Amino acid sequence: MKSLGIQLKEDEVKFLSEFIKKGTKKAREILHANILLVANKGEKDTRIAEILSTHRQTVWRIKKRYIEEGLESALKDKPRPGQPKKYEIKHETEIAALACTAPPEGRKKWTLELLQEELRTRKGFETITRESIRLI
């Protein structure tokens, strides 16, 4: 893996310096900004990884992403793979609203099982599980 040299523009250096200092950011975004700032000073990937307590591969990947896709892409994480969200906010709202209603006759409160039984009779919730309800 060949080391990639980067040269940030003056406005990018200023932006990254401000980015690190102000507001609330994800730790990974701050790490990515620091990688770019240290790389801009001409440090080797191994040294940058050592300074920032990260892996050399991470340094190389962030520099490569900066070169190919620009600053914004280098700072932000790409979406991670995984099962797509099954229920949208409107479904979650409907579940929460149901849980806030009076429980069925003869019950003191809603349980996950009761919510599941009731929801499975409704359109869009035919396969909902207790765990999905619990997470919502």
N, C-alpha and C. Protein backbone atom coordinates (compact mmCIF):
# COMPACT_ATOMS: atom_id res chain seq x y z
N MET A 1 0.85 -1.17 0.00
CA MET A 1 0.00 0.00 0.00
C MET A 1 0.89 1.23 0.00
N LYS A 2 0.81 2.01 -1.04
CA LYS A 2 1.65 3.18 -1.22
C LYS A 2 1.10 4.35 -0.41
N SER A 3 1.97 5.08 0.25
CA SER A 3 1.55 6.24 1.02
C SER A 3 1.03 7.32 0.07
N LEU A 4 -0.05 7.96 0.47
CA LEU A 4 -0.66 9.00 -0.35
C LEU A 4 -0.32 10.36 0.24
N GLY A 5 0.25 11.22 -0.55
CA GLY A 5 0.54 12.58 -0.09
C GLY A 5 -0.66 13.47 -0.36
N ILE A 6 -1.01 14.27 0.61
CA ILE A 6 -2.12 15.21 0.40
C ILE A 6 -1.64 16.62 0.71
N GLN A 7 -2.28 17.59 0.07
CA GLN A 7 -1.99 19.00 0.33
C GLN A 7 -3.34 19.70 0.45
N LEU A 8 -3.68 20.07 1.68
CA LEU A 8 -4.94 20.75 1.93
C LEU A 8 -4.84 22.21 1.48
N LYS A 9 -5.97 22.75 1.04
CA LYS A 9 -6.04 24.17 0.71
C LYS A 9 -6.10 24.95 2.02
N GLU A 10 -5.74 26.21 1.96
CA GLU A 10 -5.72 27.06 3.16
C GLU A 10 -7.09 27.11 3.84
N ASP A 11 -8.15 27.24 3.03
CA ASP A 11 -9.50 27.31 3.62
C ASP A 11 -9.91 25.97 4.24
N GLU A 12 -9.40 24.85 3.70
CA GLU A 12 -9.69 23.54 4.28
C GLU A 12 -9.01 23.38 5.63
N VAL A 13 -7.78 23.85 5.74
CA VAL A 13 -7.06 23.79 7.02
C VAL A 13 -7.81 24.60 8.07
N LYS A 14 -8.24 25.81 7.69
CA LYS A 14 -9.00 26.66 8.61
C LYS A 14 -10.30 25.98 9.01
N PHE A 15 -11.02 25.42 8.04
CA PHE A 15 -12.27 24.72 8.32
C PHE A 15 -12.05 23.56 9.29
N LEU A 16 -11.03 22.73 9.03
CA LEU A 16 -10.77 21.57 9.88
C LEU A 16 -10.37 21.99 11.29
N SER A 17 -9.59 23.04 11.42
CA SER A 17 -9.20 23.53 12.74
C SER A 17 -10.42 23.98 13.54
N GLU A 18 -11.33 24.69 12.89
CA GLU A 18 -12.57 25.12 13.53
C GLU A 18 -13.47 23.92 13.82
N PHE A 19 -13.51 22.99 12.89
CA PHE A 19 -14.34 21.78 13.00
C PHE A 19 -14.00 21.02 14.28
N ILE A 20 -12.71 20.91 14.56
CA ILE A 20 -12.24 20.16 15.73
C ILE A 20 -12.59 20.89 17.03
N LYS A 21 -12.51 22.22 17.01
CA LYS A 21 -12.65 23.01 18.23
C LYS A 21 -14.08 23.31 18.64
N LYS A 22 -14.98 23.45 17.67
CA LYS A 22 -16.32 23.95 17.98
C LYS A 22 -17.42 22.95 17.72
N GLY A 23 -18.47 23.01 18.53
CA GLY A 23 -19.65 22.20 18.33
C GLY A 23 -19.47 20.77 18.80
N THR A 24 -20.53 20.01 18.65
CA THR A 24 -20.48 18.60 19.03
C THR A 24 -20.35 17.76 17.77
N LYS A 25 -19.33 16.94 17.75
CA LYS A 25 -19.05 16.10 16.59
C LYS A 25 -18.84 14.67 17.07
N LYS A 26 -18.95 13.75 16.15
CA LYS A 26 -18.64 12.36 16.46
C LYS A 26 -17.12 12.23 16.59
N ALA A 27 -16.70 11.35 17.50
CA ALA A 27 -15.27 11.15 17.73
C ALA A 27 -14.56 10.73 16.45
N ARG A 28 -15.22 9.91 15.63
CA ARG A 28 -14.60 9.46 14.38
C ARG A 28 -14.40 10.61 13.41
N GLU A 29 -15.32 11.58 13.38
CA GLU A 29 -15.18 12.73 12.50
C GLU A 29 -13.99 13.59 12.94
N ILE A 30 -13.83 13.75 14.25
CA ILE A 30 -12.70 14.51 14.77
C ILE A 30 -11.39 13.80 14.45
N LEU A 31 -11.38 12.47 14.59
CA LEU A 31 -10.19 11.69 14.23
C LEU A 31 -9.84 11.90 12.76
N HIS A 32 -10.84 11.82 11.89
CA HIS A 32 -10.61 11.99 10.45
C HIS A 32 -10.05 13.39 10.16
N ALA A 33 -10.58 14.41 10.84
CA ALA A 33 -10.09 15.78 10.64
C ALA A 33 -8.63 15.87 11.10
N ASN A 34 -8.32 15.26 12.24
CA ASN A 34 -6.94 15.28 12.74
C ASN A 34 -5.99 14.54 11.80
N ILE A 35 -6.44 13.43 11.24
CA ILE A 35 -5.63 12.69 10.27
C ILE A 35 -5.25 13.59 9.11
N LEU A 36 -6.24 14.30 8.58
CA LEU A 36 -5.98 15.17 7.44
C LEU A 36 -5.03 16.32 7.81
N LEU A 37 -5.23 16.90 9.00
CA LEU A 37 -4.37 18.01 9.41
C LEU A 37 -2.92 17.56 9.61
N VAL A 38 -2.73 16.40 10.25
CA VAL A 38 -1.36 15.91 10.46
C VAL A 38 -0.74 15.47 9.13
N ALA A 39 -1.54 14.84 8.27
CA ALA A 39 -1.03 14.42 6.95
C ALA A 39 -0.62 15.63 6.12
N ASN A 40 -1.33 16.73 6.29
CA ASN A 40 -1.01 17.95 5.56
C ASN A 40 0.37 18.48 5.93
N LYS A 41 0.88 18.12 7.11
CA LYS A 41 2.21 18.55 7.55
C LYS A 41 3.31 17.65 7.01
N GLY A 42 2.92 16.63 6.22
CA GLY A 42 3.91 15.79 5.56
C GLY A 42 4.31 14.54 6.33
N GLU A 43 3.62 14.24 7.42
CA GLU A 43 3.94 13.04 8.20
C GLU A 43 3.59 11.78 7.42
N LYS A 44 4.33 10.72 7.66
CA LYS A 44 4.07 9.41 7.05
C LYS A 44 2.87 8.75 7.74
N ASP A 45 2.21 7.85 7.02
CA ASP A 45 1.02 7.18 7.55
C ASP A 45 1.28 6.48 8.88
N THR A 46 2.40 5.80 8.99
CA THR A 46 2.74 5.07 10.21
C THR A 46 2.88 6.04 11.38
N ARG A 47 3.51 7.17 11.15
CA ARG A 47 3.70 8.16 12.20
C ARG A 47 2.36 8.80 12.59
N ILE A 48 1.51 9.10 11.61
CA ILE A 48 0.19 9.67 11.89
C ILE A 48 -0.61 8.70 12.75
N ALA A 49 -0.59 7.43 12.39
CA ALA A 49 -1.31 6.40 13.14
C ALA A 49 -0.80 6.34 14.58
N GLU A 50 0.50 6.45 14.74
CA GLU A 50 1.12 6.43 16.06
C GLU A 50 0.69 7.65 16.88
N ILE A 51 0.75 8.82 16.28
CA ILE A 51 0.39 10.07 16.96
C ILE A 51 -1.07 10.05 17.41
N LEU A 52 -1.95 9.57 16.54
CA LEU A 52 -3.39 9.64 16.80
C LEU A 52 -3.97 8.34 17.38
N SER A 53 -3.10 7.38 17.68
CA SER A 53 -3.53 6.09 18.26
C SER A 53 -4.61 5.42 17.41
N THR A 54 -4.32 5.29 16.14
CA THR A 54 -5.24 4.61 15.23
C THR A 54 -4.41 3.66 14.36
N HIS A 55 -5.06 3.04 13.41
CA HIS A 55 -4.38 2.08 12.54
C HIS A 55 -3.89 2.78 11.27
N ARG A 56 -2.77 2.33 10.76
CA ARG A 56 -2.19 2.90 9.53
C ARG A 56 -3.18 2.79 8.36
N GLN A 57 -3.93 1.70 8.32
CA GLN A 57 -4.93 1.50 7.25
C GLN A 57 -6.01 2.58 7.31
N THR A 58 -6.40 2.98 8.51
CA THR A 58 -7.40 4.05 8.67
C THR A 58 -6.87 5.35 8.09
N VAL A 59 -5.63 5.66 8.40
CA VAL A 59 -4.99 6.88 7.89
C VAL A 59 -4.99 6.86 6.36
N TRP A 60 -4.55 5.76 5.78
CA TRP A 60 -4.49 5.63 4.33
C TRP A 60 -5.88 5.78 3.70
N ARG A 61 -6.87 5.13 4.31
CA ARG A 61 -8.24 5.15 3.78
C ARG A 61 -8.82 6.57 3.79
N ILE A 62 -8.60 7.32 4.88
CA ILE A 62 -9.13 8.68 4.98
C ILE A 62 -8.43 9.60 3.96
N LYS A 63 -7.13 9.46 3.81
CA LYS A 63 -6.41 10.26 2.82
C LYS A 63 -6.88 9.94 1.41
N LYS A 64 -7.09 8.66 1.14
CA LYS A 64 -7.57 8.23 -0.19
C LYS A 64 -8.96 8.80 -0.46
N ARG A 65 -9.82 8.74 0.54
CA ARG A 65 -11.17 9.27 0.38
C ARG A 65 -11.14 10.78 0.14
N TYR A 66 -10.23 11.48 0.81
CA TYR A 66 -10.08 12.93 0.60
C TYR A 66 -9.67 13.20 -0.86
N ILE A 67 -8.70 12.47 -1.34
CA ILE A 67 -8.20 12.67 -2.70
C ILE A 67 -9.28 12.37 -3.74
N GLU A 68 -10.01 11.28 -3.55
CA GLU A 68 -10.99 10.84 -4.55
C GLU A 68 -12.35 11.53 -4.44
N GLU A 69 -12.78 11.84 -3.20
CA GLU A 69 -14.16 12.30 -3.03
C GLU A 69 -14.29 13.66 -2.35
N GLY A 70 -13.20 14.19 -1.84
CA GLY A 70 -13.25 15.52 -1.23
C GLY A 70 -13.32 15.49 0.28
N LEU A 71 -13.28 16.69 0.84
CA LEU A 71 -13.19 16.88 2.29
C LEU A 71 -14.40 16.33 3.04
N GLU A 72 -15.59 16.67 2.58
CA GLU A 72 -16.82 16.25 3.28
C GLU A 72 -16.89 14.73 3.40
N SER A 73 -16.58 14.03 2.33
CA SER A 73 -16.62 12.57 2.33
C SER A 73 -15.56 11.98 3.25
N ALA A 74 -14.42 12.64 3.34
CA ALA A 74 -13.34 12.14 4.20
C ALA A 74 -13.71 12.25 5.68
N LEU A 75 -14.51 13.26 6.01
CA LEU A 75 -14.90 13.46 7.42
C LEU A 75 -16.02 12.52 7.86
N LYS A 76 -16.98 12.31 7.01
CA LYS A 76 -18.17 11.53 7.38
C LYS A 76 -17.97 10.05 7.10
N ASP A 77 -18.55 9.22 7.96
CA ASP A 77 -18.52 7.78 7.73
C ASP A 77 -19.52 7.41 6.65
N LYS A 78 -19.18 6.43 5.87
CA LYS A 78 -20.12 5.89 4.88
C LYS A 78 -21.18 5.08 5.64
N PRO A 79 -22.39 4.97 5.10
CA PRO A 79 -23.39 4.14 5.77
C PRO A 79 -22.88 2.70 5.90
N ARG A 80 -23.14 2.12 7.03
CA ARG A 80 -22.67 0.76 7.27
C ARG A 80 -23.74 -0.24 6.84
N PRO A 81 -23.28 -1.41 6.40
CA PRO A 81 -24.26 -2.40 5.97
C PRO A 81 -25.05 -2.93 7.17
N GLY A 82 -26.17 -3.46 6.88
CA GLY A 82 -27.03 -4.01 7.92
C GLY A 82 -28.45 -4.07 7.41
N GLN A 83 -29.27 -4.70 8.19
CA GLN A 83 -30.67 -4.81 7.78
C GLN A 83 -31.30 -3.42 7.79
N PRO A 84 -32.02 -3.07 6.73
CA PRO A 84 -32.66 -1.75 6.71
C PRO A 84 -33.75 -1.67 7.78
N LYS A 85 -34.03 -0.46 8.21
CA LYS A 85 -35.05 -0.24 9.21
C LYS A 85 -36.39 -0.73 8.67
N LYS A 86 -37.07 -1.53 9.45
CA LYS A 86 -38.32 -2.15 9.00
C LYS A 86 -39.52 -1.23 9.23
N TYR A 87 -39.47 -0.49 10.33
CA TYR A 87 -40.60 0.36 10.69
C TYR A 87 -40.18 1.82 10.69
N GLU A 88 -40.98 2.64 10.02
CA GLU A 88 -40.69 4.07 9.92
C GLU A 88 -41.23 4.78 11.15
N ILE A 89 -40.98 6.08 11.22
CA ILE A 89 -41.39 6.88 12.37
C ILE A 89 -42.90 6.84 12.57
N LYS A 90 -43.66 6.77 11.48
CA LYS A 90 -45.12 6.71 11.63
C LYS A 90 -45.54 5.41 12.32
N HIS A 91 -44.84 4.31 12.02
CA HIS A 91 -45.14 3.04 12.68
C HIS A 91 -44.77 3.11 14.17
N GLU A 92 -43.60 3.69 14.44
CA GLU A 92 -43.15 3.81 15.82
C GLU A 92 -44.11 4.67 16.62
N THR A 93 -44.61 5.72 16.00
CA THR A 93 -45.57 6.60 16.67
C THR A 93 -46.86 5.84 16.97
N GLU A 94 -47.30 5.02 16.03
CA GLU A 94 -48.53 4.24 16.22
C GLU A 94 -48.35 3.25 17.38
N ILE A 95 -47.19 2.62 17.46
CA ILE A 95 -46.91 1.66 18.55
C ILE A 95 -46.91 2.39 19.89
N ALA A 96 -46.22 3.53 19.95
CA ALA A 96 -46.16 4.30 21.20
C ALA A 96 -47.56 4.77 21.61
N ALA A 97 -48.34 5.22 20.64
CA ALA A 97 -49.70 5.67 20.94
C ALA A 97 -50.55 4.53 21.49
N LEU A 98 -50.43 3.35 20.90
CA LEU A 98 -51.18 2.19 21.38
C LEU A 98 -50.78 1.85 22.82
N ALA A 99 -49.50 1.89 23.09
CA ALA A 99 -49.00 1.56 24.43
C ALA A 99 -49.48 2.56 25.48
N CYS A 100 -49.86 3.75 25.05
CA CYS A 100 -50.33 4.79 25.98
C CYS A 100 -51.86 4.73 26.20
N THR A 101 -52.53 3.88 25.47
CA THR A 101 -53.98 3.76 25.65
C THR A 101 -54.28 2.82 26.82
N ALA A 102 -55.55 2.76 27.16
CA ALA A 102 -55.98 1.85 28.24
C ALA A 102 -55.74 0.41 27.78
N PRO A 103 -55.25 -0.45 28.67
CA PRO A 103 -54.99 -1.85 28.29
C PRO A 103 -56.30 -2.61 28.03
N PRO A 104 -56.21 -3.78 27.44
CA PRO A 104 -57.41 -4.57 27.18
C PRO A 104 -58.16 -4.90 28.48
N GLU A 105 -59.42 -5.20 28.33
CA GLU A 105 -60.28 -5.55 29.46
C GLU A 105 -59.63 -6.66 30.30
N GLY A 106 -59.61 -6.46 31.60
CA GLY A 106 -59.06 -7.48 32.50
C GLY A 106 -57.56 -7.39 32.71
N ARG A 107 -56.90 -6.41 32.10
CA ARG A 107 -55.44 -6.25 32.25
C ARG A 107 -55.13 -4.91 32.89
N LYS A 108 -54.07 -4.89 33.71
CA LYS A 108 -53.66 -3.64 34.36
C LYS A 108 -52.84 -2.76 33.42
N LYS A 109 -52.01 -3.42 32.57
CA LYS A 109 -51.16 -2.64 31.67
C LYS A 109 -50.85 -3.46 30.43
N TRP A 110 -50.32 -2.76 29.43
CA TRP A 110 -49.90 -3.42 28.20
C TRP A 110 -48.60 -4.19 28.46
N THR A 111 -48.50 -5.38 27.92
CA THR A 111 -47.24 -6.12 27.92
C THR A 111 -46.77 -6.20 26.48
N LEU A 112 -45.53 -6.61 26.28
CA LEU A 112 -45.03 -6.75 24.92
C LEU A 112 -45.86 -7.75 24.14
N GLU A 113 -46.27 -8.83 24.81
CA GLU A 113 -47.07 -9.86 24.14
C GLU A 113 -48.44 -9.32 23.72
N LEU A 114 -49.07 -8.54 24.62
CA LEU A 114 -50.38 -7.96 24.28
C LEU A 114 -50.25 -6.95 23.14
N LEU A 115 -49.23 -6.14 23.19
CA LEU A 115 -49.00 -5.19 22.10
C LEU A 115 -48.78 -5.92 20.78
N GLN A 116 -48.01 -7.00 20.83
CA GLN A 116 -47.74 -7.78 19.62
C GLN A 116 -49.04 -8.36 19.06
N GLU A 117 -49.86 -8.96 19.92
CA GLU A 117 -51.14 -9.54 19.47
C GLU A 117 -52.01 -8.48 18.81
N GLU A 118 -52.13 -7.33 19.45
CA GLU A 118 -52.97 -6.26 18.92
C GLU A 118 -52.42 -5.71 17.61
N LEU A 119 -51.11 -5.47 17.57
CA LEU A 119 -50.51 -4.89 16.38
C LEU A 119 -50.59 -5.84 15.18
N ARG A 120 -50.46 -7.13 15.42
CA ARG A 120 -50.50 -8.09 14.31
C ARG A 120 -51.86 -8.12 13.61
N THR A 121 -52.88 -7.56 14.23
CA THR A 121 -54.19 -7.49 13.57
C THR A 121 -54.28 -6.26 12.66
N ARG A 122 -53.27 -5.39 12.73
CA ARG A 122 -53.29 -4.14 11.96
C ARG A 122 -52.41 -4.24 10.71
N LYS A 123 -52.79 -3.49 9.69
CA LYS A 123 -52.05 -3.48 8.43
C LYS A 123 -50.64 -2.90 8.64
N GLY A 124 -49.65 -3.60 8.11
CA GLY A 124 -48.27 -3.15 8.21
C GLY A 124 -47.50 -3.76 9.37
N PHE A 125 -48.23 -4.43 10.27
CA PHE A 125 -47.59 -5.00 11.45
C PHE A 125 -47.77 -6.52 11.54
N GLU A 126 -48.11 -7.15 10.43
CA GLU A 126 -48.45 -8.58 10.43
C GLU A 126 -47.33 -9.47 10.97
N THR A 127 -46.08 -9.03 10.82
CA THR A 127 -44.95 -9.88 11.24
C THR A 127 -44.13 -9.25 12.37
N ILE A 128 -44.67 -8.25 13.05
CA ILE A 128 -43.90 -7.57 14.09
C ILE A 128 -43.59 -8.53 15.24
N THR A 129 -42.40 -8.37 15.80
CA THR A 129 -41.98 -9.24 16.91
C THR A 129 -41.95 -8.46 18.22
N ARG A 130 -41.90 -9.21 19.31
CA ARG A 130 -41.79 -8.59 20.64
C ARG A 130 -40.53 -7.73 20.71
N GLU A 131 -39.44 -8.22 20.16
CA GLU A 131 -38.17 -7.49 20.21
C GLU A 131 -38.25 -6.18 19.45
N SER A 132 -38.91 -6.17 18.31
CA SER A 132 -39.08 -4.90 17.57
C SER A 132 -39.87 -3.91 18.40
N ILE A 133 -40.91 -4.39 19.05
CA ILE A 133 -41.73 -3.52 19.90
C ILE A 133 -40.89 -3.01 21.07
N ARG A 134 -40.12 -3.90 21.69
CA ARG A 134 -39.29 -3.51 22.82
C ARG A 134 -38.28 -2.43 22.42
N LEU A 135 -37.67 -2.60 21.27
CA LEU A 135 -36.67 -1.63 20.81
C LEU A 135 -37.30 -0.27 20.52
N ILE A 136 -38.51 -0.30 20.00
CA ILE A 136 -39.21 0.95 19.69
C ILE A 136 -39.64 1.61 20.98
